[in-house]
Amino acid sequence: MITNGVLGVLWTALGLGCFYIGLTWINALLGHFLTPMFLLTASRFLKPEQPDADAEREPAR
């Protein structure tokens, strides 16, 4: 069995800890910046039809 000792374990733990902190940070930033883009785009396509301002002025035929 090969052992790397305490220093290897600490080095690996530090590397994995930094990796997961970075992964969480990237996911938080993506959620922070991408969610408003999708919400604004969806609200443009999904908003209900609003009557035209000119329709009130013209008599119905």
C-alpha atoms as a PDB file:
ATOM      1  CA  MET A   1       0.000   0.000   0.000  1.00  0.00           C
ATOM      2  CA  ILE A   2       1.294   3.451  -0.932  1.00  0.00           C
ATOM      3  CA  THR A   3       0.839   6.240   1.579  1.00  0.00           C
ATOM      4  CA  ASN A   4       1.436   9.935   1.041  1.00  0.00           C
ATOM      5  CA  GLY A   5       1.345  10.921   4.684  1.00  0.00           C
ATOM      6  CA  VAL A   6      -0.355  13.820   6.385  1.00  0.00           C
ATOM      7  CA  LEU A   7       0.905  16.411   3.925  1.00  0.00           C
ATOM      8  CA  GLY A   8      -0.669  14.569   0.975  1.00  0.00           C
ATOM      9  CA  VAL A   9      -4.001  14.309   2.770  1.00  0.00           C
ATOM     10  CA  LEU A  10      -3.983  18.008   3.663  1.00  0.00           C
ATOM     11  CA  TRP A  11      -2.954  18.996   0.131  1.00  0.00           C
ATOM     12  CA  THR A  12      -5.776  16.892  -1.343  1.00  0.00           C
ATOM     13  CA  ALA A  13      -8.297  18.288   1.140  1.00  0.00           C
ATOM     14  CA  LEU A  14      -7.221  21.842   0.315  1.00  0.00           C
ATOM     15  CA  GLY A  15      -7.515  21.183  -3.416  1.00  0.00           C
ATOM     16  CA  LEU A  16     -10.942  19.582  -3.159  1.00  0.00           C
ATOM     17  CA  GLY A  17     -12.152  22.316  -0.815  1.00  0.00           C
ATOM     18  CA  CYS A  18     -11.064  25.029  -3.279  1.00  0.00           C
ATOM     19  CA  PHE A  19     -12.667  23.122  -6.145  1.00  0.00           C
ATOM     20  CA  TYR A  20     -16.046  22.879  -4.439  1.00  0.00           C
ATOM     21  CA  ILE A  21     -15.944  26.503  -3.251  1.00  0.00           C
ATOM     22  CA  GLY A  22     -15.219  27.556  -6.841  1.00  0.00           C
ATOM     23  CA  LEU A  23     -18.000  25.324  -8.162  1.00  0.00           C
ATOM     24  CA  THR A  24     -20.502  26.804  -5.711  1.00  0.00           C
ATOM     25  CA  TRP A  25     -19.354  30.335  -6.589  1.00  0.00           C
ATOM     26  CA  ILE A  26     -19.764  29.749 -10.326  1.00  0.00           C
ATOM     27  CA  ASN A  27     -23.229  28.258  -9.833  1.00  0.00           C
ATOM     28  CA  ALA A  28     -24.272  31.217  -7.673  1.00  0.00           C
ATOM     29  CA  LEU A  29     -23.028  33.701 -10.290  1.00  0.00           C
ATOM     30  CA  LEU A  30     -24.755  31.863 -13.118  1.00  0.00           C
ATOM     31  CA  GLY A  31     -28.020  31.856 -11.194  1.00  0.00           C
ATOM     32  CA  HIS A  32     -27.597  35.518 -10.337  1.00  0.00           C
ATOM     33  CA  PHE A  33     -26.954  36.690 -13.899  1.00  0.00           C
ATOM     34  CA  LEU A  34     -28.865  34.192 -16.054  1.00  0.00           C
ATOM     35  CA  THR A  35     -32.155  34.135 -14.150  1.00  0.00           C
ATOM     36  CA  PRO A  36     -33.040  37.789 -14.897  1.00  0.00           C
ATOM     37  CA  MET A  37     -32.224  37.294 -18.588  1.00  0.00           C
ATOM     38  CA  PHE A  38     -34.629  34.367 -18.844  1.00  0.00           C
ATOM     39  CA  LEU A  39     -37.297  36.109 -16.771  1.00  0.00           C
ATOM     40  CA  LEU A  40     -37.182  39.261 -18.892  1.00  0.00           C
ATOM     41  CA  THR A  41     -37.286  37.257 -22.104  1.00  0.00           C
ATOM     42  CA  ALA A  42     -40.127  35.057 -20.865  1.00  0.00           C
ATOM     43  CA  SER A  43     -42.127  38.056 -19.675  1.00  0.00           C
ATOM     44  CA  ARG A  44     -41.970  39.582 -23.155  1.00  0.00           C
ATOM     45  CA  PHE A  45     -43.351  36.449 -24.766  1.00  0.00           C
ATOM     46  CA  LEU A  46     -45.830  35.449 -22.074  1.00  0.00           C
ATOM     47  CA  LYS A  47     -47.411  38.783 -21.151  1.00  0.00           C
ATOM     48  CA  PRO A  48     -51.147  39.023 -21.920  1.00  0.00           C
ATOM     49  CA  GLU A  49     -52.384  40.972 -24.896  1.00  0.00           C
ATOM     50  CA  GLN A  50     -52.955  44.605 -24.042  1.00  0.00           C
ATOM     51  CA  PRO A  51     -55.518  46.594 -25.979  1.00  0.00           C
ATOM     52  CA  ASP A  52     -54.165  49.176 -28.372  1.00  0.00           C
ATOM     53  CA  ALA A  53     -54.371  52.799 -27.318  1.00  0.00           C
ATOM     54  CA  ASP A  54     -55.853  53.657 -30.735  1.00  0.00           C
ATOM     55  CA  ALA A  55     -58.662  51.110 -30.335  1.00  0.00           C
ATOM     56  CA  GLU A  56     -60.380  53.285 -27.721  1.00  0.00           C
ATOM     57  CA  ARG A  57     -60.526  56.289 -30.036  1.00  0.00           C
ATOM     58  CA  GLU A  58     -61.970  54.502 -33.068  1.00  0.00           C
ATOM     59  CA  PRO A  59     -65.643  53.524 -33.045  1.00  0.00           C
ATOM     60  CA  ALA A  60     -66.433  49.832 -33.282  1.00  0.00           C
ATOM     61  CA  ARG A  61     -67.713  48.716 -36.697  1.00  0.00           C
END
